[in-house]
Amino acid sequence: MTLFNEHEIGIKSLTAQIDMTTPGAKHIFHIFGALAEFERGLIQERTKAGLAAARARGRQGGRPRKLDAKKVAIAQALYKEGTHSINDICQTLGVSRATLYRAIRPHLSHASQES
């Protein structure tokens, strides 16, 4: 609205009979804007409180991991053997190549430091 006002552009709705060119309509618009900002703040507060309460109950947000520690160890062992292709390991564990590489990356960096 500020940009429109700077260029002296008025808004009139033909279907809802709203005329934003009058001082009264501009005042109402500002009140609605303040109420929307207030509601946004309340939503943020409630969301943060809900997340904190969930964490206090032991809940953790986010997507569950596809590979647990046991499957990561299997993936690293299969990769280290060198007898299985990346595609075979991915199919066996039911994961994508990116997920597999993320899981074995610590093993790769550790192995390169030992050499």
N, C-alpha and C. Protein backbone atom coordinates (compact mmCIF):
# COMPACT_ATOMS: atom_id res chain seq x y z
N MET A 1 0.83 -1.20 0.00
CA MET A 1 0.00 0.00 0.00
C MET A 1 0.86 1.25 0.00
N THR A 2 1.99 1.21 0.70
CA THR A 2 2.88 2.37 0.74
C THR A 2 3.39 2.70 -0.66
N LEU A 3 3.75 1.66 -1.40
CA LEU A 3 4.23 1.85 -2.77
C LEU A 3 3.13 2.47 -3.64
N PHE A 4 1.91 1.99 -3.48
CA PHE A 4 0.79 2.55 -4.24
C PHE A 4 0.58 4.02 -3.88
N ASN A 5 0.64 4.32 -2.58
CA ASN A 5 0.43 5.70 -2.14
C ASN A 5 1.52 6.63 -2.68
N GLU A 6 2.76 6.15 -2.72
CA GLU A 6 3.85 6.97 -3.24
C GLU A 6 3.63 7.33 -4.70
N HIS A 7 3.02 6.44 -5.45
CA HIS A 7 2.75 6.69 -6.87
C HIS A 7 1.32 7.21 -7.10
N GLU A 8 0.66 7.57 -6.02
CA GLU A 8 -0.71 8.11 -6.06
C GLU A 8 -1.66 7.18 -6.81
N ILE A 9 -1.58 5.89 -6.44
CA ILE A 9 -2.47 4.89 -7.03
C ILE A 9 -3.49 4.50 -5.97
N GLY A 10 -4.76 4.57 -6.32
CA GLY A 10 -5.84 4.19 -5.42
C GLY A 10 -6.41 2.83 -5.81
N ILE A 11 -6.97 2.13 -4.83
CA ILE A 11 -7.55 0.81 -5.10
C ILE A 11 -9.05 0.88 -4.83
N LYS A 12 -9.82 0.43 -5.81
CA LYS A 12 -11.27 0.34 -5.66
C LYS A 12 -11.70 -1.05 -6.10
N SER A 13 -12.47 -1.70 -5.25
CA SER A 13 -13.00 -3.00 -5.63
C SER A 13 -14.37 -2.80 -6.24
N LEU A 14 -14.56 -3.33 -7.40
CA LEU A 14 -15.84 -3.17 -8.09
C LEU A 14 -16.90 -4.13 -7.54
N THR A 15 -16.46 -5.28 -7.04
CA THR A 15 -17.43 -6.28 -6.57
C THR A 15 -17.73 -6.16 -5.09
N ALA A 16 -16.76 -5.72 -4.27
CA ALA A 16 -16.97 -5.67 -2.82
C ALA A 16 -17.28 -4.26 -2.32
N GLN A 17 -17.36 -3.32 -3.20
CA GLN A 17 -17.66 -1.93 -2.84
C GLN A 17 -16.67 -1.38 -1.81
N ILE A 18 -15.38 -1.62 -2.05
CA ILE A 18 -14.33 -1.11 -1.17
C ILE A 18 -13.57 -0.03 -1.94
N ASP A 19 -13.43 1.14 -1.32
CA ASP A 19 -12.73 2.26 -1.93
C ASP A 19 -11.57 2.66 -1.02
N MET A 20 -10.36 2.28 -1.39
CA MET A 20 -9.19 2.54 -0.55
C MET A 20 -8.62 3.94 -0.78
N THR A 21 -9.32 4.78 -1.49
CA THR A 21 -8.82 6.13 -1.74
C THR A 21 -9.26 7.11 -0.66
N THR A 22 -10.21 6.74 0.19
CA THR A 22 -10.70 7.65 1.23
C THR A 22 -9.88 7.49 2.51
N PRO A 23 -9.79 8.54 3.32
CA PRO A 23 -9.03 8.45 4.57
C PRO A 23 -9.59 7.39 5.53
N GLY A 24 -10.90 7.25 5.57
CA GLY A 24 -11.51 6.25 6.46
C GLY A 24 -11.13 4.83 6.05
N ALA A 25 -11.12 4.56 4.76
CA ALA A 25 -10.76 3.23 4.28
C ALA A 25 -9.28 2.94 4.55
N LYS A 26 -8.45 3.97 4.40
CA LYS A 26 -7.03 3.79 4.69
C LYS A 26 -6.82 3.47 6.17
N HIS A 27 -7.59 4.11 7.03
CA HIS A 27 -7.51 3.86 8.47
C HIS A 27 -7.92 2.42 8.78
N ILE A 28 -9.00 1.96 8.21
CA ILE A 28 -9.46 0.59 8.41
C ILE A 28 -8.41 -0.39 7.91
N PHE A 29 -7.80 -0.08 6.77
CA PHE A 29 -6.75 -0.95 6.21
C PHE A 29 -5.59 -1.08 7.19
N HIS A 30 -5.18 0.02 7.80
CA HIS A 30 -4.09 -0.01 8.78
C HIS A 30 -4.47 -0.81 10.02
N ILE A 31 -5.71 -0.69 10.44
CA ILE A 31 -6.17 -1.47 11.59
C ILE A 31 -6.13 -2.97 11.26
N PHE A 32 -6.61 -3.32 10.08
CA PHE A 32 -6.56 -4.73 9.67
C PHE A 32 -5.11 -5.22 9.60
N GLY A 33 -4.22 -4.39 9.11
CA GLY A 33 -2.81 -4.75 9.04
C GLY A 33 -2.22 -5.00 10.42
N ALA A 34 -2.58 -4.12 11.38
CA ALA A 34 -2.10 -4.29 12.75
C ALA A 34 -2.65 -5.56 13.37
N LEU A 35 -3.92 -5.86 13.12
CA LEU A 35 -4.51 -7.09 13.64
C LEU A 35 -3.85 -8.33 13.03
N ALA A 36 -3.55 -8.27 11.74
CA ALA A 36 -2.88 -9.40 11.09
C ALA A 36 -1.48 -9.60 11.67
N GLU A 37 -0.78 -8.52 11.92
CA GLU A 37 0.56 -8.63 12.51
C GLU A 37 0.48 -9.19 13.93
N PHE A 38 -0.51 -8.76 14.69
CA PHE A 38 -0.73 -9.27 16.05
C PHE A 38 -1.02 -10.77 16.01
N GLU A 39 -1.89 -11.20 15.10
CA GLU A 39 -2.23 -12.61 14.98
C GLU A 39 -1.01 -13.43 14.57
N ARG A 40 -0.20 -12.89 13.70
CA ARG A 40 1.03 -13.58 13.29
C ARG A 40 1.94 -13.80 14.48
N GLY A 41 2.06 -12.79 15.33
CA GLY A 41 2.87 -12.91 16.55
C GLY A 41 2.33 -13.98 17.49
N LEU A 42 1.01 -14.03 17.63
CA LEU A 42 0.40 -15.05 18.48
C LEU A 42 0.66 -16.46 17.94
N ILE A 43 0.57 -16.62 16.64
CA ILE A 43 0.82 -17.92 16.02
C ILE A 43 2.27 -18.34 16.26
N GLN A 44 3.20 -17.40 16.12
CA GLN A 44 4.61 -17.71 16.37
C GLN A 44 4.83 -18.14 17.82
N GLU A 45 4.22 -17.42 18.76
CA GLU A 45 4.34 -17.76 20.18
C GLU A 45 3.79 -19.15 20.45
N ARG A 46 2.60 -19.45 19.92
CA ARG A 46 1.99 -20.76 20.13
C ARG A 46 2.83 -21.88 19.52
N THR A 47 3.37 -21.62 18.36
CA THR A 47 4.20 -22.63 17.70
C THR A 47 5.44 -22.92 18.52
N LYS A 48 6.12 -21.88 18.97
CA LYS A 48 7.33 -22.06 19.79
C LYS A 48 7.01 -22.78 21.10
N ALA A 49 5.89 -22.42 21.72
CA ALA A 49 5.50 -23.08 22.97
C ALA A 49 5.17 -24.55 22.73
N GLY A 50 4.50 -24.84 21.63
CA GLY A 50 4.18 -26.23 21.30
C GLY A 50 5.42 -27.06 21.03
N LEU A 51 6.38 -26.49 20.30
CA LEU A 51 7.64 -27.19 20.04
C LEU A 51 8.42 -27.44 21.32
N ALA A 52 8.45 -26.45 22.21
CA ALA A 52 9.15 -26.60 23.48
C ALA A 52 8.49 -27.67 24.34
N ALA A 53 7.15 -27.69 24.35
CA ALA A 53 6.44 -28.71 25.12
C ALA A 53 6.69 -30.11 24.55
N ALA A 54 6.73 -30.22 23.24
CA ALA A 54 7.00 -31.52 22.61
C ALA A 54 8.42 -31.98 22.95
N ARG A 55 9.38 -31.07 22.91
CA ARG A 55 10.76 -31.45 23.26
C ARG A 55 10.84 -31.89 24.71
N ALA A 56 10.09 -31.21 25.59
CA ALA A 56 10.09 -31.58 27.00
C ALA A 56 9.52 -32.98 27.21
N ARG A 57 8.62 -33.40 26.31
CA ARG A 57 8.06 -34.76 26.38
C ARG A 57 8.94 -35.78 25.66
N GLY A 58 10.07 -35.32 25.13
CA GLY A 58 10.99 -36.23 24.46
C GLY A 58 10.77 -36.37 22.97
N ARG A 59 9.88 -35.59 22.42
CA ARG A 59 9.62 -35.66 20.97
C ARG A 59 10.64 -34.80 20.24
N GLN A 60 11.05 -35.27 19.09
CA GLN A 60 11.98 -34.51 18.27
C GLN A 60 11.34 -34.29 16.90
N GLY A 61 11.46 -33.09 16.38
CA GLY A 61 10.85 -32.78 15.10
C GLY A 61 11.69 -33.26 13.94
N GLY A 62 11.15 -33.13 12.76
CA GLY A 62 11.88 -33.47 11.55
C GLY A 62 11.52 -34.84 11.02
N ARG A 63 12.05 -35.11 9.86
CA ARG A 63 11.79 -36.37 9.19
C ARG A 63 12.61 -37.49 9.84
N PRO A 64 12.03 -38.67 10.02
CA PRO A 64 12.79 -39.78 10.60
C PRO A 64 13.94 -40.20 9.68
N ARG A 65 15.03 -40.64 10.27
CA ARG A 65 16.17 -41.09 9.48
C ARG A 65 15.85 -42.40 8.78
N LYS A 66 16.33 -42.53 7.56
CA LYS A 66 16.10 -43.73 6.77
C LYS A 66 17.01 -44.86 7.24
N LEU A 67 18.23 -44.51 7.66
CA LEU A 67 19.19 -45.51 8.11
C LEU A 67 19.48 -45.33 9.60
N ASP A 68 19.28 -46.40 10.38
CA ASP A 68 19.68 -46.36 11.78
C ASP A 68 21.15 -46.74 11.87
N ALA A 69 21.70 -46.76 13.08
CA ALA A 69 23.13 -47.03 13.27
C ALA A 69 23.52 -48.42 12.75
N LYS A 70 22.64 -49.40 12.92
CA LYS A 70 22.92 -50.76 12.47
C LYS A 70 23.03 -50.81 10.94
N LYS A 71 22.11 -50.14 10.24
CA LYS A 71 22.13 -50.13 8.78
C LYS A 71 23.32 -49.33 8.25
N VAL A 72 23.72 -48.28 8.96
CA VAL A 72 24.89 -47.51 8.56
C VAL A 72 26.13 -48.40 8.64
N ALA A 73 26.23 -49.18 9.72
CA ALA A 73 27.37 -50.09 9.87
C ALA A 73 27.39 -51.12 8.74
N ILE A 74 26.22 -51.64 8.37
CA ILE A 74 26.12 -52.59 7.27
C ILE A 74 26.56 -51.93 5.97
N ALA A 75 26.07 -50.73 5.72
CA ALA A 75 26.43 -50.01 4.49
C ALA A 75 27.92 -49.78 4.41
N GLN A 76 28.51 -49.36 5.53
CA GLN A 76 29.95 -49.11 5.54
C GLN A 76 30.73 -50.40 5.31
N ALA A 77 30.28 -51.50 5.92
CA ALA A 77 30.96 -52.78 5.74
C ALA A 77 30.86 -53.25 4.29
N LEU A 78 29.66 -53.15 3.71
CA LEU A 78 29.49 -53.57 2.31
C LEU A 78 30.34 -52.72 1.37
N TYR A 79 30.39 -51.43 1.65
CA TYR A 79 31.18 -50.53 0.80
C TYR A 79 32.67 -50.84 0.93
N LYS A 80 33.10 -51.08 2.18
CA LYS A 80 34.51 -51.33 2.44
C LYS A 80 34.97 -52.63 1.79
N GLU A 81 34.09 -53.66 1.74
CA GLU A 81 34.44 -54.92 1.10
C GLU A 81 34.84 -54.71 -0.36
N GLY A 82 34.15 -53.81 -1.03
CA GLY A 82 34.46 -53.51 -2.41
C GLY A 82 33.92 -54.52 -3.41
N THR A 83 33.18 -55.52 -2.94
CA THR A 83 32.63 -56.53 -3.84
C THR A 83 31.22 -56.21 -4.31
N HIS A 84 30.60 -55.19 -3.69
CA HIS A 84 29.22 -54.83 -4.03
C HIS A 84 29.21 -53.45 -4.69
N SER A 85 28.38 -53.30 -5.70
CA SER A 85 28.26 -52.00 -6.35
C SER A 85 27.41 -51.07 -5.47
N ILE A 86 27.55 -49.80 -5.72
CA ILE A 86 26.76 -48.80 -4.98
C ILE A 86 25.26 -49.08 -5.20
N ASN A 87 24.88 -49.38 -6.43
CA ASN A 87 23.47 -49.66 -6.71
C ASN A 87 22.97 -50.86 -5.92
N ASP A 88 23.80 -51.92 -5.81
CA ASP A 88 23.39 -53.10 -5.04
C ASP A 88 23.19 -52.76 -3.57
N ILE A 89 24.11 -51.99 -3.02
CA ILE A 89 23.99 -51.59 -1.61
C ILE A 89 22.73 -50.76 -1.41
N CYS A 90 22.47 -49.83 -2.33
CA CYS A 90 21.28 -48.98 -2.23
C CYS A 90 20.01 -49.82 -2.29
N GLN A 91 19.96 -50.76 -3.21
CA GLN A 91 18.78 -51.62 -3.34
C GLN A 91 18.60 -52.48 -2.10
N THR A 92 19.68 -53.02 -1.57
CA THR A 92 19.61 -53.88 -0.39
C THR A 92 19.05 -53.12 0.81
N LEU A 93 19.51 -51.90 0.98
CA LEU A 93 19.09 -51.10 2.14
C LEU A 93 17.84 -50.27 1.87
N GLY A 94 17.45 -50.18 0.61
CA GLY A 94 16.25 -49.41 0.26
C GLY A 94 16.42 -47.91 0.40
N VAL A 95 17.60 -47.43 -0.01
CA VAL A 95 17.87 -45.99 0.10
C VAL A 95 18.40 -45.47 -1.23
N SER A 96 18.45 -44.16 -1.35
CA SER A 96 18.99 -43.53 -2.56
C SER A 96 20.52 -43.47 -2.45
N ARG A 97 21.15 -43.15 -3.57
CA ARG A 97 22.61 -43.02 -3.59
C ARG A 97 23.06 -41.90 -2.65
N ALA A 98 22.31 -40.79 -2.65
CA ALA A 98 22.69 -39.65 -1.79
C ALA A 98 22.65 -40.05 -0.32
N THR A 99 21.60 -40.79 0.06
CA THR A 99 21.48 -41.24 1.46
C THR A 99 22.64 -42.16 1.80
N LEU A 100 22.96 -43.06 0.89
CA LEU A 100 24.06 -43.99 1.14
C LEU A 100 25.38 -43.23 1.30
N TYR A 101 25.66 -42.32 0.39
CA TYR A 101 26.92 -41.57 0.48
C TYR A 101 26.99 -40.73 1.76
N ARG A 102 25.86 -40.17 2.19
CA ARG A 102 25.84 -39.42 3.46
C ARG A 102 26.18 -40.34 4.62
N ALA A 103 25.70 -41.58 4.56
CA ALA A 103 25.92 -42.53 5.64
C ALA A 103 27.37 -43.01 5.68
N ILE A 104 27.99 -43.19 4.52
CA ILE A 104 29.35 -43.73 4.50
C ILE A 104 30.41 -42.64 4.45
N ARG A 105 30.01 -41.38 4.33
CA ARG A 105 30.97 -40.28 4.25
C ARG A 105 31.93 -40.26 5.44
N PRO A 106 31.45 -40.39 6.69
CA PRO A 106 32.40 -40.40 7.82
C PRO A 106 33.43 -41.53 7.67
N HIS A 107 32.99 -42.66 7.15
CA HIS A 107 33.89 -43.79 6.93
C HIS A 107 34.92 -43.45 5.86
N LEU A 108 34.48 -42.76 4.81
CA LEU A 108 35.39 -42.40 3.72
C LEU A 108 36.46 -41.43 4.19
N SER A 109 36.08 -40.42 4.96
CA SER A 109 37.06 -39.43 5.42
C SER A 109 38.00 -40.06 6.43
N HIS A 110 37.51 -41.00 7.25
CA HIS A 110 38.34 -41.69 8.24
C HIS A 110 39.33 -42.60 7.53
N ALA A 111 38.89 -43.30 6.48
CA ALA A 111 39.74 -44.21 5.74
C ALA A 111 40.84 -43.46 5.00
N SER A 112 40.53 -42.27 4.46
CA SER A 112 41.53 -41.51 3.72
C SER A 112 42.59 -40.95 4.67
N GLN A 113 42.26 -40.70 5.93
CA GLN A 113 43.23 -40.20 6.91
C GLN A 113 44.17 -41.30 7.36
N GLU A 114 43.69 -42.56 7.34
CA GLU A 114 44.52 -43.68 7.75
C GLU A 114 45.57 -44.01 6.69
N SER A 115 45.30 -43.69 5.41
CA SER A 115 46.20 -44.05 4.33
C SER A 115 47.45 -43.22 4.30
